[in-house]
PDB file of N, CA and C in Angstrom:
ATOM      1  N   MET A   1      17.647 -19.553 -21.027  1.00  0.00           N
ATOM      2  CA  MET A   1      16.526 -18.643 -21.021  1.00  0.00           C
ATOM      3  C   MET A   1      16.104 -18.354 -19.580  1.00  0.00           C
ATOM      4  N   THR A   2      15.473 -17.250 -19.384  1.00  0.00           N
ATOM      5  CA  THR A   2      15.049 -16.869 -18.037  1.00  0.00           C
ATOM      6  C   THR A   2      13.564 -17.157 -17.853  1.00  0.00           C
ATOM      7  N   PHE A   3      13.131 -17.079 -16.603  1.00  0.00           N
ATOM      8  CA  PHE A   3      11.732 -17.314 -16.262  1.00  0.00           C
ATOM      9  C   PHE A   3      10.816 -16.282 -16.909  1.00  0.00           C
ATOM     10  N   ALA A   4      11.322 -15.082 -17.139  1.00  0.00           N
ATOM     11  CA  ALA A   4      10.499 -14.018 -17.710  1.00  0.00           C
ATOM     12  C   ALA A   4      10.201 -14.257 -19.183  1.00  0.00           C
ATOM     13  N   THR A   5      11.045 -15.020 -19.875  1.00  0.00           N
ATOM     14  CA  THR A   5      10.838 -15.205 -21.306  1.00  0.00           C
ATOM     15  C   THR A   5      10.220 -16.548 -21.659  1.00  0.00           C
ATOM     16  N   SER A   6      10.323 -17.529 -20.771  1.00  0.00           N
ATOM     17  CA  SER A   6       9.764 -18.838 -21.093  1.00  0.00           C
ATOM     18  C   SER A   6       9.258 -19.502 -19.819  1.00  0.00           C
ATOM     19  N   PRO A   7       8.340 -20.448 -19.929  1.00  0.00           N
ATOM     20  CA  PRO A   7       7.851 -21.131 -18.729  1.00  0.00           C
ATOM     21  C   PRO A   7       8.962 -21.984 -18.111  1.00  0.00           C
ATOM     22  N   PRO A   8       8.907 -22.203 -16.808  1.00  0.00           N
ATOM     23  CA  PRO A   8       9.953 -22.996 -16.148  1.00  0.00           C
ATOM     24  C   PRO A   8       9.892 -24.453 -16.587  1.00  0.00           C
ATOM     25  N   ARG A   9      11.022 -25.112 -16.525  1.00  0.00           N
ATOM     26  CA  ARG A   9      11.083 -26.521 -16.882  1.00  0.00           C
ATOM     27  C   ARG A   9      10.453 -27.355 -15.770  1.00  0.00           C
ATOM     28  N   GLU A  10       9.894 -28.479 -16.117  1.00  0.00           N
ATOM     29  CA  GLU A  10       9.221 -29.344 -15.147  1.00  0.00           C
ATOM     30  C   GLU A  10      10.182 -29.852 -14.087  1.00  0.00           C
ATOM     31  N   GLY A  11      11.407 -30.158 -14.455  1.00  0.00           N
ATOM     32  CA  GLY A  11      12.376 -30.686 -13.495  1.00  0.00           C
ATOM     33  C   GLY A  11      12.759 -29.683 -12.420  1.00  0.00           C
ATOM     34  N   ALA A  12      12.616 -28.409 -12.698  1.00  0.00           N
ATOM     35  CA  ALA A  12      13.000 -27.377 -11.735  1.00  0.00           C
ATOM     36  C   ALA A  12      11.962 -27.217 -10.632  1.00  0.00           C
ATOM     37  N   LEU A  13      10.744 -27.703 -10.863  1.00  0.00           N
ATOM     38  CA  LEU A  13       9.678 -27.491  -9.898  1.00  0.00           C
ATOM     39  C   LEU A  13       9.409 -28.699  -9.008  1.00  0.00           C
ATOM     40  N   THR A  14      10.164 -29.757  -9.146  1.00  0.00           N
ATOM     41  CA  THR A  14       9.914 -30.935  -8.313  1.00  0.00           C
ATOM     42  C   THR A  14      10.403 -30.680  -6.907  1.00  0.00           C
ATOM     43  N   ARG A  15       9.760 -31.300  -5.957  1.00  0.00           N
ATOM     44  CA  ARG A  15      10.170 -31.122  -4.568  1.00  0.00           C
ATOM     45  C   ARG A  15      10.949 -32.350  -4.120  1.00  0.00           C
ATOM     46  N   ALA A  16      11.628 -32.224  -3.008  1.00  0.00           N
ATOM     47  CA  ALA A  16      12.464 -33.310  -2.510  1.00  0.00           C
ATOM     48  C   ALA A  16      11.605 -34.523  -2.163  1.00  0.00           C
ATOM     49  N   GLY A  17      12.184 -35.704  -2.279  1.00  0.00           N
ATOM     50  CA  GLY A  17      11.442 -36.925  -2.038  1.00  0.00           C
ATOM     51  C   GLY A  17      11.023 -37.108  -0.596  1.00  0.00           C
ATOM     52  N   LEU A  18      11.780 -36.599   0.350  1.00  0.00           N
ATOM     53  CA  LEU A  18      11.462 -36.783   1.769  1.00  0.00           C
ATOM     54  C   LEU A  18      10.862 -35.535   2.415  1.00  0.00           C
ATOM     55  N   ALA A  19      10.491 -34.567   1.634  1.00  0.00           N
ATOM     56  CA  ALA A  19       9.923 -33.346   2.199  1.00  0.00           C
ATOM     57  C   ALA A  19       8.572 -33.635   2.837  1.00  0.00           C
ATOM     58  N   THR A  20       8.311 -33.032   3.988  1.00  0.00           N
ATOM     59  CA  THR A  20       7.050 -33.206   4.698  1.00  0.00           C
ATOM     60  C   THR A  20       6.062 -32.151   4.230  1.00  0.00           C
ATOM     61  N   THR A  21       4.914 -32.576   3.810  1.00  0.00           N
ATOM     62  CA  THR A  21       3.896 -31.615   3.401  1.00  0.00           C
ATOM     63  C   THR A  21       3.092 -31.184   4.623  1.00  0.00           C
ATOM     64  N   VAL A  22       2.307 -30.150   4.455  1.00  0.00           N
ATOM     65  CA  VAL A  22       1.490 -29.639   5.556  1.00  0.00           C
ATOM     66  C   VAL A  22       0.460 -30.683   5.987  1.00  0.00           C
ATOM     67  N   ASP A  23      -0.063 -31.434   5.048  1.00  0.00           N
ATOM     68  CA  ASP A  23      -1.071 -32.441   5.373  1.00  0.00           C
ATOM     69  C   ASP A  23      -0.483 -33.599   6.189  1.00  0.00           C
ATOM     70  N   ASP A  24       0.796 -33.891   5.978  1.00  0.00           N
ATOM     71  CA  ASP A  24       1.430 -35.012   6.672  1.00  0.00           C
ATOM     72  C   ASP A  24       1.981 -34.628   8.037  1.00  0.00           C
ATOM     73  N   ALA A  25       2.136 -33.338   8.319  1.00  0.00           N
ATOM     74  CA  ALA A  25       2.750 -32.897   9.565  1.00  0.00           C
ATOM     75  C   ALA A  25       1.817 -33.164  10.740  1.00  0.00           C
ATOM     76  N   ARG A  26       2.430 -33.499  11.882  1.00  0.00           N
ATOM     77  CA  ARG A  26       1.640 -33.739  13.092  1.00  0.00           C
ATOM     78  C   ARG A  26       1.224 -32.424  13.723  1.00  0.00           C
ATOM     79  N   SER A  27       0.147 -32.449  14.455  1.00  0.00           N
ATOM     80  CA  SER A  27      -0.335 -31.269  15.151  1.00  0.00           C
ATOM     81  C   SER A  27       0.535 -31.011  16.377  1.00  0.00           C
ATOM     82  N   LEU A  28       0.799 -29.731  16.658  1.00  0.00           N
ATOM     83  CA  LEU A  28       1.598 -29.368  17.817  1.00  0.00           C
ATOM     84  C   LEU A  28       0.749 -29.112  19.050  1.00  0.00           C
ATOM     85  N   VAL A  29      -0.554 -29.164  18.925  1.00  0.00           N
ATOM     86  CA  VAL A  29      -1.455 -28.897  20.040  1.00  0.00           C
ATOM     87  C   VAL A  29      -1.568 -30.145  20.907  1.00  0.00           C
ATOM     88  N   VAL A  30      -1.358 -29.961  22.203  1.00  0.00           N
ATOM     89  CA  VAL A  30      -1.491 -31.061  23.151  1.00  0.00           C
ATOM     90  C   VAL A  30      -2.936 -31.073  23.630  1.00  0.00           C
ATOM     91  N   PRO A  31      -3.647 -32.165  23.469  1.00  0.00           N
ATOM     92  CA  PRO A  31      -5.058 -32.183  23.850  1.00  0.00           C
ATOM     93  C   PRO A  31      -5.253 -32.300  25.361  1.00  0.00           C
ATOM     94  N   GLY A  32      -6.400 -31.859  25.814  1.00  0.00           N
ATOM     95  CA  GLY A  32      -6.826 -32.120  27.185  1.00  0.00           C
ATOM     96  C   GLY A  32      -6.365 -31.091  28.195  1.00  0.00           C
ATOM     97  N   ALA A  33      -6.232 -31.599  29.435  1.00  0.00           N
ATOM     98  CA  ALA A  33      -5.943 -30.736  30.580  1.00  0.00           C
ATOM     99  C   ALA A  33      -4.555 -30.103  30.483  1.00  0.00           C
ATOM    100  N   LEU A  34      -3.605 -30.805  29.885  1.00  0.00           N
ATOM    101  CA  LEU A  34      -2.260 -30.251  29.753  1.00  0.00           C
ATOM    102  C   LEU A  34      -2.270 -29.001  28.875  1.00  0.00           C
ATOM    103  N   HIS A  35      -3.081 -29.002  27.842  1.00  0.00           N
ATOM    104  CA  HIS A  35      -3.203 -27.835  26.971  1.00  0.00           C
ATOM    105  C   HIS A  35      -3.812 -26.663  27.724  1.00  0.00           C
ATOM    106  N   ARG A  36      -4.850 -26.924  28.483  1.00  0.00           N
ATOM    107  CA  ARG A  36      -5.486 -25.843  29.252  1.00  0.00           C
ATOM    108  C   ARG A  36      -4.524 -25.275  30.283  1.00  0.00           C
ATOM    109  N   ALA A  37      -3.746 -26.132  30.943  1.00  0.00           N
ATOM    110  CA  ALA A  37      -2.770 -25.660  31.930  1.00  0.00           C
ATOM    111  C   ALA A  37      -1.696 -24.810  31.255  1.00  0.00           C
ATOM    112  N   ALA A  38      -1.258 -25.228  30.077  1.00  0.00           N
ATOM    113  CA  ALA A  38      -0.250 -24.458  29.356  1.00  0.00           C
ATOM    114  C   ALA A  38      -0.790 -23.094  28.945  1.00  0.00           C
ATOM    115  N   VAL A  39      -2.045 -23.038  28.540  1.00  0.00           N
ATOM    116  CA  VAL A  39      -2.656 -21.758  28.158  1.00  0.00           C
ATOM    117  C   VAL A  39      -2.768 -20.841  29.365  1.00  0.00           C
ATOM    118  N   VAL A  40      -3.159 -21.378  30.507  1.00  0.00           N
ATOM    119  CA  VAL A  40      -3.279 -20.568  31.724  1.00  0.00           C
ATOM    120  C   VAL A  40      -1.916 -20.037  32.145  1.00  0.00           C
ATOM    121  N   ILE A  41      -0.889 -20.884  32.103  1.00  0.00           N
ATOM    122  CA  ILE A  41       0.457 -20.450  32.479  1.00  0.00           C
ATOM    123  C   ILE A  41       0.951 -19.376  31.508  1.00  0.00           C
ATOM    124  N   ALA A  42       0.690 -19.548  30.221  1.00  0.00           N
ATOM    125  CA  ALA A  42       1.102 -18.550  29.240  1.00  0.00           C
ATOM    126  C   ALA A  42       0.389 -17.219  29.474  1.00  0.00           C
ATOM    127  N   ASP A  43      -0.889 -17.262  29.811  1.00  0.00           N
ATOM    128  CA  ASP A  43      -1.624 -16.030  30.101  1.00  0.00           C
ATOM    129  C   ASP A  43      -1.076 -15.344  31.342  1.00  0.00           C
ATOM    130  N   LEU A  44      -0.768 -16.120  32.372  1.00  0.00           N
ATOM    131  CA  LEU A  44      -0.213 -15.534  33.593  1.00  0.00           C
ATOM    132  C   LEU A  44       1.161 -14.913  33.346  1.00  0.00           C
ATOM    133  N   LEU A  45       1.980 -15.574  32.540  1.00  0.00           N
ATOM    134  CA  LEU A  45       3.288 -15.004  32.216  1.00  0.00           C
ATOM    135  C   LEU A  45       3.146 -13.719  31.403  1.00  0.00           C
ATOM    136  N   GLY A  46       2.173 -13.680  30.515  1.00  0.00           N
ATOM    137  CA  GLY A  46       1.927 -12.466  29.743  1.00  0.00           C
ATOM    138  C   GLY A  46       1.496 -11.307  30.623  1.00  0.00           C
ATOM    139  N   VAL A  47       0.606 -11.588  31.569  1.00  0.00           N
ATOM    140  CA  VAL A  47       0.154 -10.543  32.493  1.00  0.00           C
ATOM    141  C   VAL A  47       1.311 -10.077  33.372  1.00  0.00           C
ATOM    142  N   ALA A  48       2.121 -11.011  33.857  1.00  0.00           N
ATOM    143  CA  ALA A  48       3.266 -10.644  34.692  1.00  0.00           C
ATOM    144  C   ALA A  48       4.248  -9.786  33.896  1.00  0.00           C
ATOM    145  N   GLY A  49       4.448 -10.117  32.624  1.00  0.00           N
ATOM    146  CA  GLY A  49       5.335  -9.306  31.793  1.00  0.00           C
ATOM    147  C   GLY A  49       4.826  -7.895  31.614  1.00  0.00           C
ATOM    148  N   LEU A  50       3.533  -7.759  31.399  1.00  0.00           N
ATOM    149  CA  LEU A  50       2.959  -6.413  31.274  1.00  0.00           C
ATOM    150  C   LEU A  50       3.075  -5.633  32.565  1.00  0.00           C
ATOM    151  N   VAL A  51       2.799  -6.290  33.680  1.00  0.00           N
ATOM    152  CA  VAL A  51       2.871  -5.610  34.981  1.00  0.00           C
ATOM    153  C   VAL A  51       4.295  -5.152  35.267  1.00  0.00           C
ATOM    154  N   LEU A  52       5.274  -5.946  34.893  1.00  0.00           N
ATOM    155  CA  LEU A  52       6.660  -5.562  35.146  1.00  0.00           C
ATOM    156  C   LEU A  52       7.162  -4.498  34.176  1.00  0.00           C
ATOM    157  N   CYS A  53       6.586  -4.419  32.987  1.00  0.00           N
ATOM    158  CA  CYS A  53       7.046  -3.447  31.992  1.00  0.00           C
ATOM    159  C   CYS A  53       6.474  -2.047  32.209  1.00  0.00           C
ATOM    160  N   VAL A  54       5.287  -1.943  32.767  1.00  0.00           N
ATOM    161  CA  VAL A  54       4.620  -0.644  32.902  1.00  0.00           C
ATOM    162  C   VAL A  54       5.457   0.352  33.722  1.00  0.00           C
ATOM    163  N   PRO A  55       6.021  -0.017  34.881  1.00  0.00           N
ATOM    164  CA  PRO A  55       6.834   0.974  35.608  1.00  0.00           C
ATOM    165  C   PRO A  55       8.045   1.465  34.819  1.00  0.00           C
ATOM    166  N   PHE A  56       8.676   0.587  34.056  1.00  0.00           N
ATOM    167  CA  PHE A  56       9.832   1.007  33.273  1.00  0.00           C
ATOM    168  C   PHE A  56       9.428   1.936  32.138  1.00  0.00           C
ATOM    169  N   VAL A  57       8.263   1.738  31.568  1.00  0.00           N
ATOM    170  CA  VAL A  57       7.774   2.644  30.528  1.00  0.00           C
ATOM    171  C   VAL A  57       7.483   4.009  31.132  1.00  0.00           C
ATOM    172  N   ILE A  58       6.876   4.021  32.308  1.00  0.00           N
ATOM    173  CA  ILE A  58       6.593   5.298  32.981  1.00  0.00           C
ATOM    174  C   ILE A  58       7.893   6.026  33.288  1.00  0.00           C
ATOM    175  N   LEU A  59       8.902   5.309  33.769  1.00  0.00           N
ATOM    176  CA  LEU A  59      10.199   5.926  34.038  1.00  0.00           C
ATOM    177  C   LEU A  59      10.860   6.425  32.762  1.00  0.00           C
ATOM    178  N   ALA A  60      10.785   5.654  31.704  1.00  0.00           N
ATOM    179  CA  ALA A  60      11.419   6.044  30.448  1.00  0.00           C
ATOM    180  C   ALA A  60      10.797   7.302  29.864  1.00  0.00           C
ATOM    181  N   ILE A  61       9.528   7.524  30.123  1.00  0.00           N
ATOM    182  CA  ILE A  61       8.867   8.727  29.630  1.00  0.00           C
ATOM    183  C   ILE A  61       9.019   9.872  30.628  1.00  0.00           C
ATOM    184  N   GLY A  62       8.908   9.575  31.910  1.00  0.00           N
ATOM    185  CA  GLY A  62       8.893  10.624  32.928  1.00  0.00           C
ATOM    186  C   GLY A  62      10.246  11.232  33.230  1.00  0.00           C
ATOM    187  N   ILE A  63      11.316  10.442  33.229  1.00  0.00           N
ATOM    188  CA  ILE A  63      12.636  10.974  33.592  1.00  0.00           C
ATOM    189  C   ILE A  63      13.104  12.048  32.609  1.00  0.00           C
ATOM    190  N   PRO A  64      13.021  11.841  31.297  1.00  0.00           N
ATOM    191  CA  PRO A  64      13.438  12.939  30.399  1.00  0.00           C
ATOM    192  C   PRO A  64      12.586  14.199  30.560  1.00  0.00           C
ATOM    193  N   ILE A  65      11.295  14.036  30.804  1.00  0.00           N
ATOM    194  CA  ILE A  65      10.437  15.207  31.009  1.00  0.00           C
ATOM    195  C   ILE A  65      10.863  15.943  32.273  1.00  0.00           C
ATOM    196  N   ALA A  66      11.103  15.221  33.362  1.00  0.00           N
ATOM    197  CA  ALA A  66      11.524  15.856  34.613  1.00  0.00           C
ATOM    198  C   ALA A  66      12.885  16.528  34.458  1.00  0.00           C
ATOM    199  N   LEU A  67      13.809  15.899  33.758  1.00  0.00           N
ATOM    200  CA  LEU A  67      15.131  16.507  33.551  1.00  0.00           C
ATOM    201  C   LEU A  67      15.036  17.763  32.704  1.00  0.00           C
ATOM    202  N   CYS A  68      14.222  17.744  31.680  1.00  0.00           N
ATOM    203  CA  CYS A  68      14.044  18.944  30.856  1.00  0.00           C
ATOM    204  C   CYS A  68      13.411  20.072  31.658  1.00  0.00           C
ATOM    205  N   LEU A  69      12.436  19.735  32.478  1.00  0.00           N
ATOM    206  CA  LEU A  69      11.790  20.753  33.314  1.00  0.00           C
ATOM    207  C   LEU A  69      12.791  21.365  34.298  1.00  0.00           C
ATOM    208  N   ARG A  70      13.611  20.538  34.921  1.00  0.00           N
ATOM    209  CA  ARG A  70      14.615  21.060  35.858  1.00  0.00           C
ATOM    210  C   ARG A  70      15.642  21.911  35.130  1.00  0.00           C
ATOM    211  N   PHE A  71      16.006  21.506  33.905  1.00  0.00           N
ATOM    212  CA  PHE A  71      16.947  22.289  33.120  1.00  0.00           C
ATOM    213  C   PHE A  71      16.370  23.657  32.775  1.00  0.00           C
ATOM    214  N   VAL A  72      15.094  23.691  32.376  1.00  0.00           N
ATOM    215  CA  VAL A  72      14.449  24.969  32.064  1.00  0.00           C
ATOM    216  C   VAL A  72      14.368  25.845  33.312  1.00  0.00           C
ATOM    217  N   LEU A  73      14.052  25.256  34.464  1.00  0.00           N
ATOM    218  CA  LEU A  73      14.003  26.036  35.701  1.00  0.00           C
ATOM    219  C   LEU A  73      15.385  26.537  36.104  1.00  0.00           C
ATOM    220  N   TRP A  74      16.426  25.745  35.836  1.00  0.00           N
ATOM    221  CA  TRP A  74      17.792  26.160  36.146  1.00  0.00           C
ATOM    222  C   TRP A  74      18.216  27.317  35.262  1.00  0.00           C
ATOM    223  N   ILE A  75      17.854  27.220  33.951  1.00  0.00           N
ATOM    224  CA  ILE A  75      18.155  28.327  33.027  1.00  0.00           C
ATOM    225  C   ILE A  75      17.400  29.574  33.455  1.00  0.00           C
ATOM    226  N   ALA A  76      16.137  29.440  33.828  1.00  0.00           N
ATOM    227  CA  ALA A  76      15.340  30.599  34.260  1.00  0.00           C
ATOM    228  C   ALA A  76      15.904  31.202  35.534  1.00  0.00           C
ATOM    229  N   GLY A  77      16.470  30.390  36.410  1.00  0.00           N
ATOM    230  CA  GLY A  77      17.071  30.907  37.642  1.00  0.00           C
ATOM    231  C   GLY A  77      18.337  31.671  37.394  1.00  0.00           C
ATOM    232  N   MET A  78      19.037  31.358  36.315  1.00  0.00           N
ATOM    233  CA  MET A  78      20.286  32.064  36.003  1.00  0.00           C
ATOM    234  C   MET A  78      20.027  33.410  35.341  1.00  0.00           C
ATOM    235  N   LEU A  79      18.829  33.600  34.803  1.00  0.00           N
ATOM    236  CA  LEU A  79      18.537  34.867  34.113  1.00  0.00           C
ATOM    237  C   LEU A  79      18.254  35.951  35.057  1.00  0.00           C
TER     238      LEU A  79
END
């Protein structure tokens, strides 16, 4: 029988004996000054990434516009 026609069997819903539950898992947060230093470094890396990406975004948008404009001016010059 399928799940749509009958309720699932109890044996099918058991979990593994060594599975870690959310309540048993350790926290990944490092307390104290090390955590604050890691947050500051992560923020600085994020800002550096944004600063380095902005010129490439400007180039990616500006170069096709400039090429299209030059192409239109070249076509107009041939007429």
